[in-house]
Amino acid sequence: MTSSKSREAWVEIPGPASHSEQAGPYDFGFVPAMGRLLAAHPLIGPAFMALYGAVMFAPDGALSRGEREFVAGVAAAAQGCTY
């Protein structure tokens, strides 16, 4: 049974004031919870972001950048991700 309450990660996500604003490849005008979570984990965060950067922004590959974004959006929606 799922709860109608918003689900949060099992680790504490730092609040917006605890992380400096940085646009990165996406500029939402704020740092999303996922970005704050990755910034809070000095070993996992940089490794994940390097992998993400290689997958999403590599100049070559079978999929265009737009197609990669589309796949990422569909995969996130299928998992109930609100980002």
PDB file of N, CA and C in Angstrom:
ATOM      1  N   MET A   1       0.841  -1.179   0.000  1.00  0.00           N
ATOM      2  CA  MET A   1       0.000   0.000   0.000  1.00  0.00           C
ATOM      3  C   MET A   1       0.883   1.238   0.000  1.00  0.00           C
ATOM      4  N   THR A   2       0.597   2.172  -0.868  1.00  0.00           N
ATOM      5  CA  THR A   2       1.385   3.393  -0.925  1.00  0.00           C
ATOM      6  C   THR A   2       0.667   4.515  -0.203  1.00  0.00           C
ATOM      7  N   SER A   3       1.439   5.386   0.362  1.00  0.00           N
ATOM      8  CA  SER A   3       0.883   6.526   1.079  1.00  0.00           C
ATOM      9  C   SER A   3       0.682   7.682   0.109  1.00  0.00           C
ATOM     10  N   SER A   4      -0.302   8.510   0.371  1.00  0.00           N
ATOM     11  CA  SER A   4      -0.513   9.687  -0.468  1.00  0.00           C
ATOM     12  C   SER A   4       0.437  10.817  -0.088  1.00  0.00           C
ATOM     13  N   LYS A   5       1.172  10.654   1.016  1.00  0.00           N
ATOM     14  CA  LYS A   5       2.142  11.666   1.423  1.00  0.00           C
ATOM     15  C   LYS A   5       3.330  11.655   0.470  1.00  0.00           C
ATOM     16  N   SER A   6       3.984  12.808   0.375  1.00  0.00           N
ATOM     17  CA  SER A   6       5.181  12.908  -0.457  1.00  0.00           C
ATOM     18  C   SER A   6       6.289  12.060   0.146  1.00  0.00           C
ATOM     19  N   ARG A   7       6.915  11.227  -0.667  1.00  0.00           N
ATOM     20  CA  ARG A   7       7.995  10.382  -0.192  1.00  0.00           C
ATOM     21  C   ARG A   7       9.317  11.120  -0.352  1.00  0.00           C
ATOM     22  N   GLU A   8      10.176  11.039   0.641  1.00  0.00           N
ATOM     23  CA  GLU A   8      11.494  11.636   0.606  1.00  0.00           C
ATOM     24  C   GLU A   8      12.532  10.532   0.654  1.00  0.00           C
ATOM     25  N   ALA A   9      13.737  10.863   0.263  1.00  0.00           N
ATOM     26  CA  ALA A   9      14.831   9.907   0.345  1.00  0.00           C
ATOM     27  C   ALA A   9      15.077   9.542   1.800  1.00  0.00           C
ATOM     28  N   TRP A  10      15.665   8.386   2.033  1.00  0.00           N
ATOM     29  CA  TRP A  10      15.912   7.932   3.397  1.00  0.00           C
ATOM     30  C   TRP A  10      17.098   8.626   4.032  1.00  0.00           C
ATOM     31  N   VAL A  11      17.804   9.435   3.262  1.00  0.00           N
ATOM     32  CA  VAL A  11      18.894  10.239   3.821  1.00  0.00           C
ATOM     33  C   VAL A  11      18.420  11.679   3.903  1.00  0.00           C
ATOM     34  N   GLU A  12      19.016  12.421   4.798  1.00  0.00           N
ATOM     35  CA  GLU A  12      18.622  13.817   4.953  1.00  0.00           C
ATOM     36  C   GLU A  12      19.106  14.632   3.767  1.00  0.00           C
ATOM     37  N   ILE A  13      18.200  15.364   3.164  1.00  0.00           N
ATOM     38  CA  ILE A  13      18.547  16.230   2.044  1.00  0.00           C
ATOM     39  C   ILE A  13      18.782  17.625   2.603  1.00  0.00           C
ATOM     40  N   PRO A  14      19.972  18.183   2.386  1.00  0.00           N
ATOM     41  CA  PRO A  14      20.229  19.538   2.882  1.00  0.00           C
ATOM     42  C   PRO A  14      19.231  20.530   2.304  1.00  0.00           C
ATOM     43  N   GLY A  15      18.877  21.520   3.089  1.00  0.00           N
ATOM     44  CA  GLY A  15      17.958  22.556   2.634  1.00  0.00           C
ATOM     45  C   GLY A  15      18.596  23.448   1.588  1.00  0.00           C
ATOM     46  N   PRO A  16      17.798  24.219   0.866  1.00  0.00           N
ATOM     47  CA  PRO A  16      18.329  25.081  -0.187  1.00  0.00           C
ATOM     48  C   PRO A  16      19.391  26.067   0.295  1.00  0.00           C
ATOM     49  N   ALA A  17      19.295  26.543   1.512  1.00  0.00           N
ATOM     50  CA  ALA A  17      20.255  27.532   2.003  1.00  0.00           C
ATOM     51  C   ALA A  17      21.626  26.918   2.285  1.00  0.00           C
ATOM     52  N   SER A  18      21.702  25.598   2.392  1.00  0.00           N
ATOM     53  CA  SER A  18      22.967  24.970   2.746  1.00  0.00           C
ATOM     54  C   SER A  18      23.843  24.668   1.534  1.00  0.00           C
ATOM     55  N   HIS A  19      23.384  24.973   0.363  1.00  0.00           N
ATOM     56  CA  HIS A  19      24.140  24.676  -0.859  1.00  0.00           C
ATOM     57  C   HIS A  19      24.145  25.919  -1.740  1.00  0.00           C
ATOM     58  N   SER A  20      25.302  26.280  -2.220  1.00  0.00           N
ATOM     59  CA  SER A  20      25.383  27.474  -3.055  1.00  0.00           C
ATOM     60  C   SER A  20      24.654  27.238  -4.371  1.00  0.00           C
ATOM     61  N   GLU A  21      24.038  28.284  -4.857  1.00  0.00           N
ATOM     62  CA  GLU A  21      23.321  28.202  -6.122  1.00  0.00           C
ATOM     63  C   GLU A  21      24.323  28.056  -7.265  1.00  0.00           C
ATOM     64  N   GLN A  22      24.118  27.073  -8.095  1.00  0.00           N
ATOM     65  CA  GLN A  22      24.924  26.928  -9.295  1.00  0.00           C
ATOM     66  C   GLN A  22      24.053  26.366 -10.398  1.00  0.00           C
ATOM     67  N   ALA A  23      24.181  26.941 -11.569  1.00  0.00           N
ATOM     68  CA  ALA A  23      23.291  26.576 -12.663  1.00  0.00           C
ATOM     69  C   ALA A  23      23.619  25.201 -13.221  1.00  0.00           C
ATOM     70  N   GLY A  24      24.881  24.886 -13.418  1.00  0.00           N
ATOM     71  CA  GLY A  24      25.228  23.623 -14.053  1.00  0.00           C
ATOM     72  C   GLY A  24      24.634  23.582 -15.447  1.00  0.00           C
ATOM     73  N   PRO A  25      24.384  22.386 -15.967  1.00  0.00           N
ATOM     74  CA  PRO A  25      23.836  22.304 -17.314  1.00  0.00           C
ATOM     75  C   PRO A  25      22.364  22.707 -17.400  1.00  0.00           C
ATOM     76  N   TYR A  26      21.673  22.712 -16.280  1.00  0.00           N
ATOM     77  CA  TYR A  26      20.267  23.099 -16.238  1.00  0.00           C
ATOM     78  C   TYR A  26      20.132  24.243 -15.240  1.00  0.00           C
ATOM     79  N   ASP A  27      19.449  25.298 -15.623  1.00  0.00           N
ATOM     80  CA  ASP A  27      19.261  26.432 -14.712  1.00  0.00           C
ATOM     81  C   ASP A  27      17.777  26.577 -14.413  1.00  0.00           C
ATOM     82  N   PHE A  28      17.366  26.030 -13.265  1.00  0.00           N
ATOM     83  CA  PHE A  28      15.971  26.111 -12.848  1.00  0.00           C
ATOM     84  C   PHE A  28      15.718  27.332 -11.968  1.00  0.00           C
ATOM     85  N   GLY A  29      16.790  28.055 -11.620  1.00  0.00           N
ATOM     86  CA  GLY A  29      16.662  29.180 -10.705  1.00  0.00           C
ATOM     87  C   GLY A  29      16.760  28.744  -9.251  1.00  0.00           C
ATOM     88  N   PHE A  30      16.958  27.466  -9.023  1.00  0.00           N
ATOM     89  CA  PHE A  30      17.134  26.910  -7.681  1.00  0.00           C
ATOM     90  C   PHE A  30      17.877  25.593  -7.831  1.00  0.00           C
ATOM     91  N   VAL A  31      18.397  25.072  -6.740  1.00  0.00           N
ATOM     92  CA  VAL A  31      19.081  23.779  -6.784  1.00  0.00           C
ATOM     93  C   VAL A  31      18.079  22.718  -6.354  1.00  0.00           C
ATOM     94  N   PRO A  32      17.705  21.797  -7.256  1.00  0.00           N
ATOM     95  CA  PRO A  32      16.732  20.758  -6.914  1.00  0.00           C
ATOM     96  C   PRO A  32      17.241  19.844  -5.793  1.00  0.00           C
ATOM     97  N   ALA A  33      16.329  19.136  -5.171  1.00  0.00           N
ATOM     98  CA  ALA A  33      16.672  18.241  -4.065  1.00  0.00           C
ATOM     99  C   ALA A  33      17.726  17.220  -4.478  1.00  0.00           C
ATOM    100  N   MET A  34      17.649  16.702  -5.703  1.00  0.00           N
ATOM    101  CA  MET A  34      18.633  15.713  -6.145  1.00  0.00           C
ATOM    102  C   MET A  34      20.034  16.317  -6.179  1.00  0.00           C
ATOM    103  N   GLY A  35      20.151  17.548  -6.632  1.00  0.00           N
ATOM    104  CA  GLY A  35      21.442  18.226  -6.645  1.00  0.00           C
ATOM    105  C   GLY A  35      21.980  18.444  -5.245  1.00  0.00           C
ATOM    106  N   ARG A  36      21.095  18.826  -4.316  1.00  0.00           N
ATOM    107  CA  ARG A  36      21.523  19.016  -2.925  1.00  0.00           C
ATOM    108  C   ARG A  36      21.938  17.693  -2.306  1.00  0.00           C
ATOM    109  N   LEU A  37      21.215  16.620  -2.637  1.00  0.00           N
ATOM    110  CA  LEU A  37      21.554  15.298  -2.117  1.00  0.00           C
ATOM    111  C   LEU A  37      22.931  14.869  -2.610  1.00  0.00           C
ATOM    112  N   LEU A  38      23.186  15.020  -3.904  1.00  0.00           N
ATOM    113  CA  LEU A  38      24.486  14.626  -4.457  1.00  0.00           C
ATOM    114  C   LEU A  38      25.616  15.476  -3.875  1.00  0.00           C
ATOM    115  N   ALA A  39      25.367  16.746  -3.656  1.00  0.00           N
ATOM    116  CA  ALA A  39      26.389  17.624  -3.090  1.00  0.00           C
ATOM    117  C   ALA A  39      26.720  17.238  -1.652  1.00  0.00           C
ATOM    118  N   ALA A  40      25.779  16.603  -0.972  1.00  0.00           N
ATOM    119  CA  ALA A  40      25.988  16.220   0.428  1.00  0.00           C
ATOM    120  C   ALA A  40      26.815  14.948   0.569  1.00  0.00           C
ATOM    121  N   HIS A  41      27.068  14.257  -0.516  1.00  0.00           N
ATOM    122  CA  HIS A  41      27.798  12.993  -0.471  1.00  0.00           C
ATOM    123  C   HIS A  41      29.069  13.115  -1.318  1.00  0.00           C
ATOM    124  N   PRO A  42      30.202  13.460  -0.676  1.00  0.00           N
ATOM    125  CA  PRO A  42      31.426  13.770  -1.411  1.00  0.00           C
ATOM    126  C   PRO A  42      32.020  12.617  -2.211  1.00  0.00           C
ATOM    127  N   LEU A  43      31.716  11.389  -1.909  1.00  0.00           N
ATOM    128  CA  LEU A  43      32.240  10.271  -2.691  1.00  0.00           C
ATOM    129  C   LEU A  43      31.284   9.868  -3.811  1.00  0.00           C
ATOM    130  N   ILE A  44      30.020   9.751  -3.492  1.00  0.00           N
ATOM    131  CA  ILE A  44      29.037   9.282  -4.461  1.00  0.00           C
ATOM    132  C   ILE A  44      28.619  10.397  -5.421  1.00  0.00           C
ATOM    133  N   GLY A  45      28.432  11.595  -4.910  1.00  0.00           N
ATOM    134  CA  GLY A  45      27.950  12.709  -5.736  1.00  0.00           C
ATOM    135  C   GLY A  45      28.806  12.980  -6.958  1.00  0.00           C
ATOM    136  N   PRO A  46      30.119  13.220  -6.798  1.00  0.00           N
ATOM    137  CA  PRO A  46      30.953  13.500  -7.973  1.00  0.00           C
ATOM    138  C   PRO A  46      31.003  12.332  -8.968  1.00  0.00           C
ATOM    139  N   ALA A  47      31.032  11.107  -8.462  1.00  0.00           N
ATOM    140  CA  ALA A  47      31.066   9.945  -9.359  1.00  0.00           C
ATOM    141  C   ALA A  47      29.769   9.847 -10.161  1.00  0.00           C
ATOM    142  N   PHE A  48      28.634  10.065  -9.498  1.00  0.00           N
ATOM    143  CA  PHE A  48      27.348  10.013 -10.187  1.00  0.00           C
ATOM    144  C   PHE A  48      27.257  11.123 -11.229  1.00  0.00           C
ATOM    145  N   MET A  49      27.691  12.331 -10.859  1.00  0.00           N
ATOM    146  CA  MET A  49      27.610  13.455 -11.786  1.00  0.00           C
ATOM    147  C   MET A  49      28.536  13.262 -12.988  1.00  0.00           C
ATOM    148  N   ALA A  50      29.703  12.641 -12.783  1.00  0.00           N
ATOM    149  CA  ALA A  50      30.599  12.350 -13.910  1.00  0.00           C
ATOM    150  C   ALA A  50      29.942  11.352 -14.865  1.00  0.00           C
ATOM    151  N   LEU A  51      29.320  10.326 -14.319  1.00  0.00           N
ATOM    152  CA  LEU A  51      28.624   9.341 -15.144  1.00  0.00           C
ATOM    153  C   LEU A  51      27.462   9.996 -15.882  1.00  0.00           C
ATOM    154  N   TYR A  52      26.680  10.774 -15.163  1.00  0.00           N
ATOM    155  CA  TYR A  52      25.537  11.468 -15.763  1.00  0.00           C
ATOM    156  C   TYR A  52      26.004  12.386 -16.897  1.00  0.00           C
ATOM    157  N   GLY A  53      27.085  13.123 -16.651  1.00  0.00           N
ATOM    158  CA  GLY A  53      27.616  14.019 -17.673  1.00  0.00           C
ATOM    159  C   GLY A  53      28.059  13.266 -18.912  1.00  0.00           C
ATOM    160  N   ALA A  54      28.703  12.128 -18.721  1.00  0.00           N
ATOM    161  CA  ALA A  54      29.161  11.328 -19.858  1.00  0.00           C
ATOM    162  C   ALA A  54      27.975  10.774 -20.652  1.00  0.00           C
ATOM    163  N   VAL A  55      26.939  10.346 -19.963  1.00  0.00           N
ATOM    164  CA  VAL A  55      25.773   9.777 -20.641  1.00  0.00           C
ATOM    165  C   VAL A  55      24.957  10.856 -21.350  1.00  0.00           C
ATOM    166  N   MET A  56      24.698  11.967 -20.677  1.00  0.00           N
ATOM    167  CA  MET A  56      23.800  12.979 -21.225  1.00  0.00           C
ATOM    168  C   MET A  56      24.460  13.960 -22.187  1.00  0.00           C
ATOM    169  N   PHE A  57      25.743  14.245 -21.988  1.00  0.00           N
ATOM    170  CA  PHE A  57      26.361  15.322 -22.757  1.00  0.00           C
ATOM    171  C   PHE A  57      27.483  14.874 -23.687  1.00  0.00           C
ATOM    172  N   ALA A  58      27.710  13.575 -23.813  1.00  0.00           N
ATOM    173  CA  ALA A  58      28.749  13.094 -24.723  1.00  0.00           C
ATOM    174  C   ALA A  58      28.399  13.527 -26.153  1.00  0.00           C
ATOM    175  N   PRO A  59      29.396  13.957 -26.917  1.00  0.00           N
ATOM    176  CA  PRO A  59      29.102  14.444 -28.268  1.00  0.00           C
ATOM    177  C   PRO A  59      28.730  13.345 -29.255  1.00  0.00           C
ATOM    178  N   ASP A  60      29.068  12.119 -28.951  1.00  0.00           N
ATOM    179  CA  ASP A  60      28.753  11.031 -29.879  1.00  0.00           C
ATOM    180  C   ASP A  60      27.854  10.011 -29.193  1.00  0.00           C
ATOM    181  N   GLY A  61      27.266   9.172 -29.972  1.00  0.00           N
ATOM    182  CA  GLY A  61      26.391   8.138 -29.428  1.00  0.00           C
ATOM    183  C   GLY A  61      25.246   7.861 -30.379  1.00  0.00           C
ATOM    184  N   ALA A  62      24.490   6.843 -30.066  1.00  0.00           N
ATOM    185  CA  ALA A  62      23.380   6.433 -30.928  1.00  0.00           C
ATOM    186  C   ALA A  62      22.191   7.382 -30.826  1.00  0.00           C
ATOM    187  N   LEU A  63      22.046   8.068 -29.690  1.00  0.00           N
ATOM    188  CA  LEU A  63      20.908   8.961 -29.488  1.00  0.00           C
ATOM    189  C   LEU A  63      21.358  10.417 -29.493  1.00  0.00           C
ATOM    190  N   SER A  64      20.492  11.286 -29.985  1.00  0.00           N
ATOM    191  CA  SER A  64      20.768  12.719 -29.928  1.00  0.00           C
ATOM    192  C   SER A  64      20.579  13.200 -28.487  1.00  0.00           C
ATOM    193  N   ARG A  65      21.020  14.390 -28.204  1.00  0.00           N
ATOM    194  CA  ARG A  65      20.851  14.956 -26.862  1.00  0.00           C
ATOM    195  C   ARG A  65      19.371  15.023 -26.493  1.00  0.00           C
ATOM    196  N   GLY A  66      18.541  15.463 -27.424  1.00  0.00           N
ATOM    197  CA  GLY A  66      17.101  15.535 -27.179  1.00  0.00           C
ATOM    198  C   GLY A  66      16.486  14.177 -26.887  1.00  0.00           C
ATOM    199  N   GLU A  67      16.928  13.167 -27.628  1.00  0.00           N
ATOM    200  CA  GLU A  67      16.429  11.808 -27.393  1.00  0.00           C
ATOM    201  C   GLU A  67      16.849  11.305 -26.016  1.00  0.00           C
ATOM    202  N   ARG A  68      18.071  11.635 -25.601  1.00  0.00           N
ATOM    203  CA  ARG A  68      18.529  11.229 -24.260  1.00  0.00           C
ATOM    204  C   ARG A  68      17.670  11.883 -23.183  1.00  0.00           C
ATOM    205  N   GLU A  69      17.370  13.181 -23.355  1.00  0.00           N
ATOM    206  CA  GLU A  69      16.514  13.885 -22.389  1.00  0.00           C
ATOM    207  C   GLU A  69      15.126  13.257 -22.351  1.00  0.00           C
ATOM    208  N   PHE A  70      14.609  12.888 -23.519  1.00  0.00           N
ATOM    209  CA  PHE A  70      13.297  12.262 -23.601  1.00  0.00           C
ATOM    210  C   PHE A  70      13.281  10.936 -22.847  1.00  0.00           C
ATOM    211  N   VAL A  71      14.286  10.104 -23.069  1.00  0.00           N
ATOM    212  CA  VAL A  71      14.381   8.816 -22.374  1.00  0.00           C
ATOM    213  C   VAL A  71      14.475   9.036 -20.867  1.00  0.00           C
ATOM    214  N   ALA A  72      15.279  10.005 -20.453  1.00  0.00           N
ATOM    215  CA  ALA A  72      15.421  10.290 -19.024  1.00  0.00           C
ATOM    216  C   ALA A  72      14.093  10.735 -18.416  1.00  0.00           C
ATOM    217  N   GLY A  73      13.361  11.569 -19.134  1.00  0.00           N
ATOM    218  CA  GLY A  73      12.061  12.027 -18.641  1.00  0.00           C
ATOM    219  C   GLY A  73      11.046  10.911 -18.526  1.00  0.00           C
ATOM    220  N   VAL A  74      10.990  10.051 -19.526  1.00  0.00           N
ATOM    221  CA  VAL A  74      10.050   8.921 -19.500  1.00  0.00           C
ATOM    222  C   VAL A  74      10.416   7.950 -18.383  1.00  0.00           C
ATOM    223  N   ALA A  75      11.721   7.677 -18.231  1.00  0.00           N
ATOM    224  CA  ALA A  75      12.156   6.757 -17.168  1.00  0.00           C
ATOM    225  C   ALA A  75      11.831   7.333 -15.789  1.00  0.00           C
ATOM    226  N   ALA A  76      12.039   8.638 -15.611  1.00  0.00           N
ATOM    227  CA  ALA A  76      11.721   9.271 -14.331  1.00  0.00           C
ATOM    228  C   ALA A  76      10.215   9.198 -14.050  1.00  0.00           C
ATOM    229  N   ALA A  77       9.420   9.500 -15.066  1.00  0.00           N
ATOM    230  CA  ALA A  77       7.956   9.456 -14.886  1.00  0.00           C
ATOM    231  C   ALA A  77       7.480   8.039 -14.555  1.00  0.00           C
ATOM    232  N   ALA A  78       8.067   7.051 -15.196  1.00  0.00           N
ATOM    233  CA  ALA A  78       7.672   5.661 -14.956  1.00  0.00           C
ATOM    234  C   ALA A  78       7.969   5.235 -13.518  1.00  0.00           C
ATOM    235  N   GLN A  79       8.945   5.893 -12.885  1.00  0.00           N
ATOM    236  CA  GLN A  79       9.306   5.575 -11.506  1.00  0.00           C
ATOM    237  C   GLN A  79       8.620   6.500 -10.499  1.00  0.00           C
ATOM    238  N   GLY A  80       7.755   7.379 -10.992  1.00  0.00           N
ATOM    239  CA  GLY A  80       7.050   8.292 -10.110  1.00  0.00           C
ATOM    240  C   GLY A  80       7.915   9.434  -9.606  1.00  0.00           C
ATOM    241  N   CYS A  81       9.009   9.727 -10.310  1.00  0.00           N
ATOM    242  CA  CYS A  81       9.904  10.804  -9.915  1.00  0.00           C
ATOM    243  C   CYS A  81       9.268  12.138 -10.225  1.00  0.00           C
ATOM    244  N   THR A  82       9.346  13.073  -9.302  1.00  0.00           N
ATOM    245  CA  THR A  82       8.713  14.385  -9.494  1.00  0.00           C
ATOM    246  C   THR A  82       9.680  15.444 -10.012  1.00  0.00           C
ATOM    247  N   TYR A  83      10.899  15.071 -10.362  1.00  0.00           N
ATOM    248  CA  TYR A  83      11.865  16.075 -10.820  1.00  0.00           C
ATOM    249  C   TYR A  83      11.645  16.433 -12.250  1.00  0.00           C
TER     250      TYR A  83
END
